[in-house]
Amino acid sequence: MATKRQGRKPAAKKSASTSKITFSKWDVADHLRTEADIVAYFEACLEEAGDDPSFIAAALGDIARARGMSRVARDSGLTREGLYRALSRGANPSLGTVLKVTRALGLKLRAEAA
């Protein structure tokens, strides 16, 4: 036999919120504001890349977008379109392109014993 509980009010119904929350795509280039940020990001990417040249190319692309792609293209001697293509995700740029871009960004590649 079911008994009714005394002294307890039924739970209030919560109304569904009709407001929408919108999100924007997170872009690392928006957060690379200082030279220290850029150097730390590039060093971390070089460590994480392993044998993946497209990972390094994408990291350079992020840094170039943070600095201004047109400026980096001008300083590296490459076209802006060519720079976007070479530094996109999945790209495999030549070593010459990587060196031109790192020089234009004011960065250096360093070797150390593994």
PDB file of N, CA and C in Angstrom:
ATOM      1  N   MET A   1       0.824  -1.159   0.000  1.00  0.00           N
ATOM      2  CA  MET A   1       0.000   0.000   0.000  1.00  0.00           C
ATOM      3  C   MET A   1       0.882   1.240   0.000  1.00  0.00           C
ATOM      4  N   ALA A   2       0.680   2.082  -0.931  1.00  0.00           N
ATOM      5  CA  ALA A   2       1.482   3.294  -1.068  1.00  0.00           C
ATOM      6  C   ALA A   2       0.983   4.339  -0.089  1.00  0.00           C
ATOM      7  N   THR A   3       1.945   4.962   0.567  1.00  0.00           N
ATOM      8  CA  THR A   3       1.569   6.033   1.490  1.00  0.00           C
ATOM      9  C   THR A   3       2.046   7.351   0.937  1.00  0.00           C
ATOM     10  N   LYS A   4       1.315   8.363   1.260  1.00  0.00           N
ATOM     11  CA  LYS A   4       1.653   9.704   0.793  1.00  0.00           C
ATOM     12  C   LYS A   4       2.536  10.367   1.837  1.00  0.00           C
ATOM     13  N   ARG A   5       3.640  10.919   1.424  1.00  0.00           N
ATOM     14  CA  ARG A   5       4.546  11.603   2.350  1.00  0.00           C
ATOM     15  C   ARG A   5       3.941  12.933   2.745  1.00  0.00           C
ATOM     16  N   GLN A   6       4.010  13.205   3.977  1.00  0.00           N
ATOM     17  CA  GLN A   6       3.472  14.449   4.512  1.00  0.00           C
ATOM     18  C   GLN A   6       4.557  15.516   4.585  1.00  0.00           C
ATOM     19  N   GLY A   7       4.233  16.758   4.394  1.00  0.00           N
ATOM     20  CA  GLY A   7       5.131  17.881   4.614  1.00  0.00           C
ATOM     21  C   GLY A   7       6.099  18.157   3.476  1.00  0.00           C
ATOM     22  N   ARG A   8       5.993  17.465   2.409  1.00  0.00           N
ATOM     23  CA  ARG A   8       6.922  17.670   1.298  1.00  0.00           C
ATOM     24  C   ARG A   8       6.181  18.223   0.101  1.00  0.00           C
ATOM     25  N   LYS A   9       6.708  19.308  -0.448  1.00  0.00           N
ATOM     26  CA  LYS A   9       6.082  19.910  -1.618  1.00  0.00           C
ATOM     27  C   LYS A   9       6.675  19.278  -2.870  1.00  0.00           C
ATOM     28  N   PRO A  10       5.910  19.184  -3.916  1.00  0.00           N
ATOM     29  CA  PRO A  10       6.464  18.655  -5.172  1.00  0.00           C
ATOM     30  C   PRO A  10       7.547  19.598  -5.699  1.00  0.00           C
ATOM     31  N   ALA A  11       8.558  19.023  -6.345  1.00  0.00           N
ATOM     32  CA  ALA A  11       9.670  19.822  -6.887  1.00  0.00           C
ATOM     33  C   ALA A  11       9.153  20.762  -7.972  1.00  0.00           C
ATOM     34  N   ALA A  12       9.696  21.956  -7.954  1.00  0.00           N
ATOM     35  CA  ALA A  12       9.299  22.934  -8.966  1.00  0.00           C
ATOM     36  C   ALA A  12       9.905  22.543 -10.304  1.00  0.00           C
ATOM     37  N   LYS A  13       9.158  22.732 -11.342  1.00  0.00           N
ATOM     38  CA  LYS A  13       9.667  22.421 -12.677  1.00  0.00           C
ATOM     39  C   LYS A  13      10.547  23.558 -13.152  1.00  0.00           C
ATOM     40  N   LYS A  14      11.671  23.212 -13.692  1.00  0.00           N
ATOM     41  CA  LYS A  14      12.596  24.213 -14.227  1.00  0.00           C
ATOM     42  C   LYS A  14      12.241  24.474 -15.678  1.00  0.00           C
ATOM     43  N   SER A  15      12.164  25.738 -16.004  1.00  0.00           N
ATOM     44  CA  SER A  15      11.851  26.069 -17.389  1.00  0.00           C
ATOM     45  C   SER A  15      13.124  25.983 -18.226  1.00  0.00           C
ATOM     46  N   ALA A  16      12.974  25.518 -19.409  1.00  0.00           N
ATOM     47  CA  ALA A  16      14.109  25.394 -20.318  1.00  0.00           C
ATOM     48  C   ALA A  16      14.546  26.787 -20.762  1.00  0.00           C
ATOM     49  N   SER A  17      15.825  27.007 -20.740  1.00  0.00           N
ATOM     50  CA  SER A  17      16.365  28.295 -21.164  1.00  0.00           C
ATOM     51  C   SER A  17      16.323  28.394 -22.679  1.00  0.00           C
ATOM     52  N   THR A  18      15.866  29.517 -23.153  1.00  0.00           N
ATOM     53  CA  THR A  18      15.786  29.687 -24.598  1.00  0.00           C
ATOM     54  C   THR A  18      16.959  30.471 -25.155  1.00  0.00           C
ATOM     55  N   SER A  19      17.860  30.939 -24.289  1.00  0.00           N
ATOM     56  CA  SER A  19      19.011  31.688 -24.793  1.00  0.00           C
ATOM     57  C   SER A  19      20.041  30.717 -25.352  1.00  0.00           C
ATOM     58  N   LYS A  20      20.683  31.144 -26.412  1.00  0.00           N
ATOM     59  CA  LYS A  20      21.693  30.316 -27.070  1.00  0.00           C
ATOM     60  C   LYS A  20      23.084  30.759 -26.634  1.00  0.00           C
ATOM     61  N   ILE A  21      23.935  29.797 -26.469  1.00  0.00           N
ATOM     62  CA  ILE A  21      25.338  30.081 -26.205  1.00  0.00           C
ATOM     63  C   ILE A  21      26.083  29.797 -27.497  1.00  0.00           C
ATOM     64  N   THR A  22      26.841  30.762 -27.947  1.00  0.00           N
ATOM     65  CA  THR A  22      27.615  30.565 -29.170  1.00  0.00           C
ATOM     66  C   THR A  22      29.095  30.501 -28.826  1.00  0.00           C
ATOM     67  N   PHE A  23      29.797  29.717 -29.556  1.00  0.00           N
ATOM     68  CA  PHE A  23      31.226  29.548 -29.361  1.00  0.00           C
ATOM     69  C   PHE A  23      31.942  29.900 -30.654  1.00  0.00           C
ATOM     70  N   SER A  24      33.126  30.424 -30.509  1.00  0.00           N
ATOM     71  CA  SER A  24      33.948  30.663 -31.692  1.00  0.00           C
ATOM     72  C   SER A  24      35.099  29.665 -31.671  1.00  0.00           C
ATOM     73  N   LYS A  25      35.626  29.384 -32.825  1.00  0.00           N
ATOM     74  CA  LYS A  25      36.731  28.440 -32.930  1.00  0.00           C
ATOM     75  C   LYS A  25      37.968  29.041 -32.268  1.00  0.00           C
ATOM     76  N   TRP A  26      38.621  28.245 -31.412  1.00  0.00           N
ATOM     77  CA  TRP A  26      39.808  28.715 -30.723  1.00  0.00           C
ATOM     78  C   TRP A  26      40.966  28.729 -31.708  1.00  0.00           C
ATOM     79  N   ASP A  27      41.684  29.835 -31.740  1.00  0.00           N
ATOM     80  CA  ASP A  27      42.808  29.990 -32.656  1.00  0.00           C
ATOM     81  C   ASP A  27      44.032  30.421 -31.868  1.00  0.00           C
ATOM     82  N   VAL A  28      45.070  29.604 -31.910  1.00  0.00           N
ATOM     83  CA  VAL A  28      46.285  29.899 -31.151  1.00  0.00           C
ATOM     84  C   VAL A  28      46.903  31.228 -31.579  1.00  0.00           C
ATOM     85  N   ALA A  29      46.732  31.612 -32.830  1.00  0.00           N
ATOM     86  CA  ALA A  29      47.323  32.855 -33.327  1.00  0.00           C
ATOM     87  C   ALA A  29      46.813  34.074 -32.551  1.00  0.00           C
ATOM     88  N   ASP A  30      45.593  33.973 -32.019  1.00  0.00           N
ATOM     89  CA  ASP A  30      45.036  35.072 -31.229  1.00  0.00           C
ATOM     90  C   ASP A  30      45.723  35.224 -29.881  1.00  0.00           C
ATOM     91  N   HIS A  31      46.472  34.210 -29.461  1.00  0.00           N
ATOM     92  CA  HIS A  31      47.083  34.204 -28.134  1.00  0.00           C
ATOM     93  C   HIS A  31      48.602  34.325 -28.163  1.00  0.00           C
ATOM     94  N   LEU A  32      49.165  34.430 -29.343  1.00  0.00           N
ATOM     95  CA  LEU A  32      50.624  34.596 -29.474  1.00  0.00           C
ATOM     96  C   LEU A  32      50.910  36.095 -29.571  1.00  0.00           C
ATOM     97  N   ARG A  33      50.984  36.747 -28.426  1.00  0.00           N
ATOM     98  CA  ARG A  33      51.093  38.206 -28.399  1.00  0.00           C
ATOM     99  C   ARG A  33      52.515  38.715 -28.223  1.00  0.00           C
ATOM    100  N   THR A  34      53.327  37.988 -27.498  1.00  0.00           N
ATOM    101  CA  THR A  34      54.682  38.466 -27.210  1.00  0.00           C
ATOM    102  C   THR A  34      55.716  37.542 -27.840  1.00  0.00           C
ATOM    103  N   GLU A  35      56.937  38.042 -27.915  1.00  0.00           N
ATOM    104  CA  GLU A  35      58.038  37.208 -28.425  1.00  0.00           C
ATOM    105  C   GLU A  35      58.207  35.966 -27.555  1.00  0.00           C
ATOM    106  N   ALA A  36      58.069  36.126 -26.250  1.00  0.00           N
ATOM    107  CA  ALA A  36      58.210  34.985 -25.341  1.00  0.00           C
ATOM    108  C   ALA A  36      57.135  33.942 -25.605  1.00  0.00           C
ATOM    109  N   ASP A  37      55.897  34.380 -25.874  1.00  0.00           N
ATOM    110  CA  ASP A  37      54.816  33.449 -26.214  1.00  0.00           C
ATOM    111  C   ASP A  37      55.156  32.673 -27.478  1.00  0.00           C
ATOM    112  N   ILE A  38      55.641  33.386 -28.475  1.00  0.00           N
ATOM    113  CA  ILE A  38      55.952  32.777 -29.770  1.00  0.00           C
ATOM    114  C   ILE A  38      57.083  31.764 -29.637  1.00  0.00           C
ATOM    115  N   VAL A  39      58.137  32.138 -28.936  1.00  0.00           N
ATOM    116  CA  VAL A  39      59.283  31.236 -28.768  1.00  0.00           C
ATOM    117  C   VAL A  39      58.868  29.997 -27.981  1.00  0.00           C
ATOM    118  N   ALA A  40      58.119  30.174 -26.904  1.00  0.00           N
ATOM    119  CA  ALA A  40      57.682  29.024 -26.099  1.00  0.00           C
ATOM    120  C   ALA A  40      56.795  28.097 -26.925  1.00  0.00           C
ATOM    121  N   TYR A  41      55.906  28.668 -27.708  1.00  0.00           N
ATOM    122  CA  TYR A  41      55.016  27.862 -28.554  1.00  0.00           C
ATOM    123  C   TYR A  41      55.816  27.092 -29.602  1.00  0.00           C
ATOM    124  N   PHE A  42      56.752  27.766 -30.266  1.00  0.00           N
ATOM    125  CA  PHE A  42      57.533  27.109 -31.316  1.00  0.00           C
ATOM    126  C   PHE A  42      58.413  26.000 -30.733  1.00  0.00           C
ATOM    127  N   GLU A  43      59.035  26.241 -29.588  1.00  0.00           N
ATOM    128  CA  GLU A  43      59.860  25.211 -28.953  1.00  0.00           C
ATOM    129  C   GLU A  43      59.017  24.001 -28.567  1.00  0.00           C
ATOM    130  N   ALA A  44      57.826  24.249 -28.017  1.00  0.00           N
ATOM    131  CA  ALA A  44      56.939  23.143 -27.653  1.00  0.00           C
ATOM    132  C   ALA A  44      56.518  22.350 -28.886  1.00  0.00           C
ATOM    133  N   CYS A  45      56.233  23.052 -29.967  1.00  0.00           N
ATOM    134  CA  CYS A  45      55.830  22.365 -31.208  1.00  0.00           C
ATOM    135  C   CYS A  45      56.978  21.552 -31.790  1.00  0.00           C
ATOM    136  N   LEU A  46      58.191  22.077 -31.734  1.00  0.00           N
ATOM    137  CA  LEU A  46      59.342  21.319 -32.233  1.00  0.00           C
ATOM    138  C   LEU A  46      59.531  20.040 -31.424  1.00  0.00           C
ATOM    139  N   GLU A  47      59.298  20.102 -30.112  1.00  0.00           N
ATOM    140  CA  GLU A  47      59.439  18.906 -29.280  1.00  0.00           C
ATOM    141  C   GLU A  47      58.340  17.897 -29.562  1.00  0.00           C
ATOM    142  N   GLU A  48      57.124  18.370 -29.754  1.00  0.00           N
ATOM    143  CA  GLU A  48      55.979  17.483 -29.957  1.00  0.00           C
ATOM    144  C   GLU A  48      55.895  16.911 -31.371  1.00  0.00           C
ATOM    145  N   ALA A  49      56.502  17.581 -32.339  1.00  0.00           N
ATOM    146  CA  ALA A  49      56.335  17.209 -33.747  1.00  0.00           C
ATOM    147  C   ALA A  49      56.852  15.817 -34.073  1.00  0.00           C
ATOM    148  N   GLY A  50      57.907  15.401 -33.427  1.00  0.00           N
ATOM    149  CA  GLY A  50      58.484  14.101 -33.768  1.00  0.00           C
ATOM    150  C   GLY A  50      58.940  14.101 -35.213  1.00  0.00           C
ATOM    151  N   ASP A  51      58.409  13.191 -36.012  1.00  0.00           N
ATOM    152  CA  ASP A  51      58.775  13.070 -37.425  1.00  0.00           C
ATOM    153  C   ASP A  51      57.713  13.668 -38.351  1.00  0.00           C
ATOM    154  N   ASP A  52      56.886  14.556 -37.827  1.00  0.00           N
ATOM    155  CA  ASP A  52      55.770  15.095 -38.602  1.00  0.00           C
ATOM    156  C   ASP A  52      56.068  16.516 -39.084  1.00  0.00           C
ATOM    157  N   PRO A  53      56.532  16.664 -40.333  1.00  0.00           N
ATOM    158  CA  PRO A  53      56.857  17.998 -40.836  1.00  0.00           C
ATOM    159  C   PRO A  53      55.634  18.901 -40.963  1.00  0.00           C
ATOM    160  N   SER A  54      54.460  18.320 -41.155  1.00  0.00           N
ATOM    161  CA  SER A  54      53.261  19.149 -41.286  1.00  0.00           C
ATOM    162  C   SER A  54      52.887  19.809 -39.961  1.00  0.00           C
ATOM    163  N   PHE A  55      53.258  19.179 -38.855  1.00  0.00           N
ATOM    164  CA  PHE A  55      53.018  19.766 -37.535  1.00  0.00           C
ATOM    165  C   PHE A  55      53.844  21.040 -37.373  1.00  0.00           C
ATOM    166  N   ILE A  56      55.114  20.987 -37.787  1.00  0.00           N
ATOM    167  CA  ILE A  56      55.992  22.163 -37.718  1.00  0.00           C
ATOM    168  C   ILE A  56      55.509  23.230 -38.688  1.00  0.00           C
ATOM    169  N   ALA A  57      55.098  22.822 -39.884  1.00  0.00           N
ATOM    170  CA  ALA A  57      54.580  23.784 -40.863  1.00  0.00           C
ATOM    171  C   ALA A  57      53.344  24.489 -40.316  1.00  0.00           C
ATOM    172  N   ALA A  58      52.444  23.736 -39.687  1.00  0.00           N
ATOM    173  CA  ALA A  58      51.236  24.334 -39.111  1.00  0.00           C
ATOM    174  C   ALA A  58      51.587  25.294 -37.979  1.00  0.00           C
ATOM    175  N   ALA A  59      52.576  24.941 -37.165  1.00  0.00           N
ATOM    176  CA  ALA A  59      53.009  25.829 -36.077  1.00  0.00           C
ATOM    177  C   ALA A  59      53.571  27.130 -36.641  1.00  0.00           C
ATOM    178  N   LEU A  60      54.381  27.025 -37.682  1.00  0.00           N
ATOM    179  CA  LEU A  60      54.899  28.233 -38.326  1.00  0.00           C
ATOM    180  C   LEU A  60      53.762  29.057 -38.927  1.00  0.00           C
ATOM    181  N   GLY A  61      52.754  28.379 -39.454  1.00  0.00           N
ATOM    182  CA  GLY A  61      51.586  29.072 -39.990  1.00  0.00           C
ATOM    183  C   GLY A  61      50.831  29.820 -38.910  1.00  0.00           C
ATOM    184  N   ASP A  62      50.691  29.200 -37.728  1.00  0.00           N
ATOM    185  CA  ASP A  62      50.043  29.874 -36.601  1.00  0.00           C
ATOM    186  C   ASP A  62      50.802  31.140 -36.220  1.00  0.00           C
ATOM    187  N   ILE A  63      52.122  31.031 -36.147  1.00  0.00           N
ATOM    188  CA  ILE A  63      52.955  32.176 -35.775  1.00  0.00           C
ATOM    189  C   ILE A  63      52.891  33.253 -36.850  1.00  0.00           C
ATOM    190  N   ALA A  64      52.924  32.835 -38.112  1.00  0.00           N
ATOM    191  CA  ALA A  64      52.848  33.803 -39.218  1.00  0.00           C
ATOM    192  C   ALA A  64      51.519  34.558 -39.199  1.00  0.00           C
ATOM    193  N   ARG A  65      50.417  33.849 -38.909  1.00  0.00           N
ATOM    194  CA  ARG A  65      49.123  34.534 -38.823  1.00  0.00           C
ATOM    195  C   ARG A  65      49.092  35.513 -37.658  1.00  0.00           C
ATOM    196  N   ALA A  66      49.754  35.150 -36.553  1.00  0.00           N
ATOM    197  CA  ALA A  66      49.815  36.053 -35.399  1.00  0.00           C
ATOM    198  C   ALA A  66      50.601  37.321 -35.736  1.00  0.00           C
ATOM    199  N   ARG A  67      51.625  37.174 -36.556  1.00  0.00           N
ATOM    200  CA  ARG A  67      52.468  38.314 -36.941  1.00  0.00           C
ATOM    201  C   ARG A  67      51.895  39.112 -38.103  1.00  0.00           C
ATOM    202  N   GLY A  68      51.078  38.464 -38.899  1.00  0.00           N
ATOM    203  CA  GLY A  68      50.546  39.096 -40.108  1.00  0.00           C
ATOM    204  C   GLY A  68      51.116  38.388 -41.322  1.00  0.00           C
ATOM    205  N   MET A  69      50.282  37.656 -41.996  1.00  0.00           N
ATOM    206  CA  MET A  69      50.733  36.815 -43.108  1.00  0.00           C
ATOM    207  C   MET A  69      51.352  37.631 -44.237  1.00  0.00           C
ATOM    208  N   SER A  70      50.807  38.795 -44.529  1.00  0.00           N
ATOM    209  CA  SER A  70      51.350  39.626 -45.614  1.00  0.00           C
ATOM    210  C   SER A  70      52.769  40.072 -45.295  1.00  0.00           C
ATOM    211  N   ARG A  71      52.986  40.467 -44.052  1.00  0.00           N
ATOM    212  CA  ARG A  71      54.325  40.910 -43.639  1.00  0.00           C
ATOM    213  C   ARG A  71      55.323  39.768 -43.714  1.00  0.00           C
ATOM    214  N   VAL A  72      54.934  38.601 -43.230  1.00  0.00           N
ATOM    215  CA  VAL A  72      55.836  37.439 -43.255  1.00  0.00           C
ATOM    216  C   VAL A  72      56.126  37.039 -44.704  1.00  0.00           C
ATOM    217  N   ALA A  73      55.121  37.089 -45.556  1.00  0.00           N
ATOM    218  CA  ALA A  73      55.325  36.762 -46.970  1.00  0.00           C
ATOM    219  C   ALA A  73      56.336  37.721 -47.592  1.00  0.00           C
ATOM    220  N   ARG A  74      56.167  39.004 -47.328  1.00  0.00           N
ATOM    221  CA  ARG A  74      57.090  40.010 -47.874  1.00  0.00           C
ATOM    222  C   ARG A  74      58.513  39.780 -47.345  1.00  0.00           C
ATOM    223  N   ASP A  75      58.643  39.546 -46.039  1.00  0.00           N
ATOM    224  CA  ASP A  75      59.967  39.365 -45.430  1.00  0.00           C
ATOM    225  C   ASP A  75      60.639  38.059 -45.849  1.00  0.00           C
ATOM    226  N   SER A  76      59.839  37.059 -46.222  1.00  0.00           N
ATOM    227  CA  SER A  76      60.427  35.770 -46.614  1.00  0.00           C
ATOM    228  C   SER A  76      60.655  35.660 -48.118  1.00  0.00           C
ATOM    229  N   GLY A  77      60.076  36.584 -48.883  1.00  0.00           N
ATOM    230  CA  GLY A  77      60.223  36.526 -50.335  1.00  0.00           C
ATOM    231  C   GLY A  77      59.255  35.561 -51.002  1.00  0.00           C
ATOM    232  N   LEU A  78      58.247  35.132 -50.277  1.00  0.00           N
ATOM    233  CA  LEU A  78      57.241  34.221 -50.821  1.00  0.00           C
ATOM    234  C   LEU A  78      55.941  34.986 -51.050  1.00  0.00           C
ATOM    235  N   THR A  79      55.080  34.451 -51.894  1.00  0.00           N
ATOM    236  CA  THR A  79      53.771  35.083 -52.063  1.00  0.00           C
ATOM    237  C   THR A  79      52.898  34.720 -50.863  1.00  0.00           C
ATOM    238  N   ARG A  80      51.918  35.553 -50.586  1.00  0.00           N
ATOM    239  CA  ARG A  80      51.023  35.296 -49.463  1.00  0.00           C
ATOM    240  C   ARG A  80      50.254  33.992 -49.677  1.00  0.00           C
ATOM    241  N   GLU A  81      49.798  33.768 -50.891  1.00  0.00           N
ATOM    242  CA  GLU A  81      49.065  32.544 -51.204  1.00  0.00           C
ATOM    243  C   GLU A  81      49.967  31.307 -51.049  1.00  0.00           C
ATOM    244  N   GLY A  82      51.197  31.434 -51.542  1.00  0.00           N
ATOM    245  CA  GLY A  82      52.156  30.336 -51.409  1.00  0.00           C
ATOM    246  C   GLY A  82      52.488  30.041 -49.958  1.00  0.00           C
ATOM    247  N   LEU A  83      52.541  31.084 -49.161  1.00  0.00           N
ATOM    248  CA  LEU A  83      52.827  30.931 -47.738  1.00  0.00           C
ATOM    249  C   LEU A  83      51.670  30.207 -47.046  1.00  0.00           C
ATOM    250  N   TYR A  84      50.441  30.604 -47.333  1.00  0.00           N
ATOM    251  CA  TYR A  84      49.280  29.906 -46.773  1.00  0.00           C
ATOM    252  C   TYR A  84      49.302  28.432 -47.159  1.00  0.00           C
ATOM    253  N   ARG A  85      49.604  28.154 -48.412  1.00  0.00           N
ATOM    254  CA  ARG A  85      49.629  26.776 -48.911  1.00  0.00           C
ATOM    255  C   ARG A  85      50.736  25.971 -48.231  1.00  0.00           C
ATOM    256  N   ALA A  86      51.918  26.558 -48.108  1.00  0.00           N
ATOM    257  CA  ALA A  86      53.058  25.844 -47.529  1.00  0.00           C
ATOM    258  C   ALA A  86      52.905  25.600 -46.032  1.00  0.00           C
ATOM    259  N   LEU A  87      52.164  26.485 -45.347  1.00  0.00           N
ATOM    260  CA  LEU A  87      52.075  26.385 -43.892  1.00  0.00           C
ATOM    261  C   LEU A  87      50.703  25.919 -43.405  1.00  0.00           C
ATOM    262  N   SER A  88      49.943  25.307 -44.289  1.00  0.00           N
ATOM    263  CA  SER A  88      48.632  24.806 -43.888  1.00  0.00           C
ATOM    264  C   SER A  88      48.777  23.426 -43.247  1.00  0.00           C
ATOM    265  N   ARG A  89      47.741  23.000 -42.555  1.00  0.00           N
ATOM    266  CA  ARG A  89      47.741  21.671 -41.934  1.00  0.00           C
ATOM    267  C   ARG A  89      47.858  20.620 -43.036  1.00  0.00           C
ATOM    268  N   GLY A  90      48.737  19.666 -42.832  1.00  0.00           N
ATOM    269  CA  GLY A  90      48.930  18.613 -43.815  1.00  0.00           C
ATOM    270  C   GLY A  90      49.958  18.935 -44.884  1.00  0.00           C
ATOM    271  N   ALA A  91      50.500  20.153 -44.856  1.00  0.00           N
ATOM    272  CA  ALA A  91      51.495  20.541 -45.865  1.00  0.00           C
ATOM    273  C   ALA A  91      52.852  19.920 -45.545  1.00  0.00           C
ATOM    274  N   ASN A  92      53.679  19.826 -46.543  1.00  0.00           N
ATOM    275  CA  ASN A  92      55.034  19.304 -46.377  1.00  0.00           C
ATOM    276  C   ASN A  92      55.992  20.259 -47.096  1.00  0.00           C
ATOM    277  N   PRO A  93      56.261  21.427 -46.494  1.00  0.00           N
ATOM    278  CA  PRO A  93      57.090  22.421 -47.174  1.00  0.00           C
ATOM    279  C   PRO A  93      58.541  21.967 -47.269  1.00  0.00           C
ATOM    280  N   SER A  94      59.241  22.548 -48.231  1.00  0.00           N
ATOM    281  CA  SER A  94      60.663  22.229 -48.378  1.00  0.00           C
ATOM    282  C   SER A  94      61.439  22.858 -47.225  1.00  0.00           C
ATOM    283  N   LEU A  95      62.625  22.341 -46.989  1.00  0.00           N
ATOM    284  CA  LEU A  95      63.478  22.892 -45.937  1.00  0.00           C
ATOM    285  C   LEU A  95      63.797  24.352 -46.233  1.00  0.00           C
ATOM    286  N   GLY A  96      63.985  24.677 -47.505  1.00  0.00           N
ATOM    287  CA  GLY A  96      64.263  26.062 -47.891  1.00  0.00           C
ATOM    288  C   GLY A  96      63.134  26.991 -47.488  1.00  0.00           C
ATOM    289  N   THR A  97      61.891  26.555 -47.679  1.00  0.00           N
ATOM    290  CA  THR A  97      60.738  27.365 -47.280  1.00  0.00           C
ATOM    291  C   THR A  97      60.695  27.531 -45.770  1.00  0.00           C
ATOM    292  N   VAL A  98      60.931  26.454 -45.037  1.00  0.00           N
ATOM    293  CA  VAL A  98      60.930  26.524 -43.568  1.00  0.00           C
ATOM    294  C   VAL A  98      62.006  27.498 -43.082  1.00  0.00           C
ATOM    295  N   LEU A  99      63.183  27.439 -43.684  1.00  0.00           N
ATOM    296  CA  LEU A  99      64.263  28.340 -43.277  1.00  0.00           C
ATOM    297  C   LEU A  99      63.930  29.800 -43.593  1.00  0.00           C
ATOM    298  N   LYS A 100      63.353  30.050 -44.761  1.00  0.00           N
ATOM    299  CA  LYS A 100      62.961  31.421 -45.115  1.00  0.00           C
ATOM    300  C   LYS A 100      61.924  31.972 -44.136  1.00  0.00           C
ATOM    301  N   VAL A 101      60.955  31.141 -43.800  1.00  0.00           N
ATOM    302  CA  VAL A 101      59.889  31.584 -42.898  1.00  0.00           C
ATOM    303  C   VAL A 101      60.420  31.793 -41.484  1.00  0.00           C
ATOM    304  N   THR A 102      61.229  30.864 -40.985  1.00  0.00           N
ATOM    305  CA  THR A 102      61.763  31.048 -39.628  1.00  0.00           C
ATOM    306  C   THR A 102      62.625  32.301 -39.553  1.00  0.00           C
ATOM    307  N   ARG A 103      63.402  32.565 -40.591  1.00  0.00           N
ATOM    308  CA  ARG A 103      64.218  33.786 -40.617  1.00  0.00           C
ATOM    309  C   ARG A 103      63.330  35.029 -40.647  1.00  0.00           C
ATOM    310  N   ALA A 104      62.271  35.006 -41.454  1.00  0.00           N
ATOM    311  CA  ALA A 104      61.347  36.143 -41.540  1.00  0.00           C
ATOM    312  C   ALA A 104      60.619  36.374 -40.214  1.00  0.00           C
ATOM    313  N   LEU A 105      60.405  35.302 -39.454  1.00  0.00           N
ATOM    314  CA  LEU A 105      59.740  35.418 -38.159  1.00  0.00           C
ATOM    315  C   LEU A 105      60.697  35.797 -37.037  1.00  0.00           C
ATOM    316  N   GLY A 106      61.983  35.829 -37.355  1.00  0.00           N
ATOM    317  CA  GLY A 106      62.972  36.151 -36.328  1.00  0.00           C
ATOM    318  C   GLY A 106      63.263  34.990 -35.406  1.00  0.00           C
ATOM    319  N   LEU A 107      63.053  33.771 -35.901  1.00  0.00           N
ATOM    320  CA  LEU A 107      63.298  32.567 -35.111  1.00  0.00           C
ATOM    321  C   LEU A 107      64.498  31.815 -35.671  1.00  0.00           C
ATOM    322  N   LYS A 108      65.065  30.933 -34.853  1.00  0.00           N
ATOM    323  CA  LYS A 108      66.166  30.083 -35.282  1.00  0.00           C
ATOM    324  C   LYS A 108      65.841  28.644 -34.933  1.00  0.00           C
ATOM    325  N   LEU A 109      66.238  27.753 -35.843  1.00  0.00           N
ATOM    326  CA  LEU A 109      66.161  26.333 -35.538  1.00  0.00           C
ATOM    327  C   LEU A 109      67.475  25.948 -34.876  1.00  0.00           C
ATOM    328  N   ARG A 110      67.391  25.198 -33.797  1.00  0.00           N
ATOM    329  CA  ARG A 110      68.605  24.792 -33.096  1.00  0.00           C
ATOM    330  C   ARG A 110      68.692  23.277 -33.032  1.00  0.00           C
ATOM    331  N   ALA A 111      69.911  22.795 -33.094  1.00  0.00           N
ATOM    332  CA  ALA A 111      70.121  21.346 -32.964  1.00  0.00           C
ATOM    333  C   ALA A 111      70.712  21.066 -31.582  1.00  0.00           C
ATOM    334  N   GLU A 112      70.289  19.964 -31.012  1.00  0.00           N
ATOM    335  CA  GLU A 112      70.879  19.504 -29.754  1.00  0.00           C
ATOM    336  C   GLU A 112      70.842  17.996 -29.748  1.00  0.00           C
ATOM    337  N   ALA A 113      71.693  17.406 -28.945  1.00  0.00           N
ATOM    338  CA  ALA A 113      71.751  15.950 -28.886  1.00  0.00           C
ATOM    339  C   ALA A 113      70.455  15.391 -28.328  1.00  0.00           C
ATOM    340  N   ALA A 114      70.031  14.282 -28.899  1.00  0.00           N
ATOM    341  CA  ALA A 114      68.744  13.686 -28.468  1.00  0.00           C
ATOM    342  C   ALA A 114      68.850  12.980 -27.165  1.00  0.00           C
TER     343      ALA A 114
END
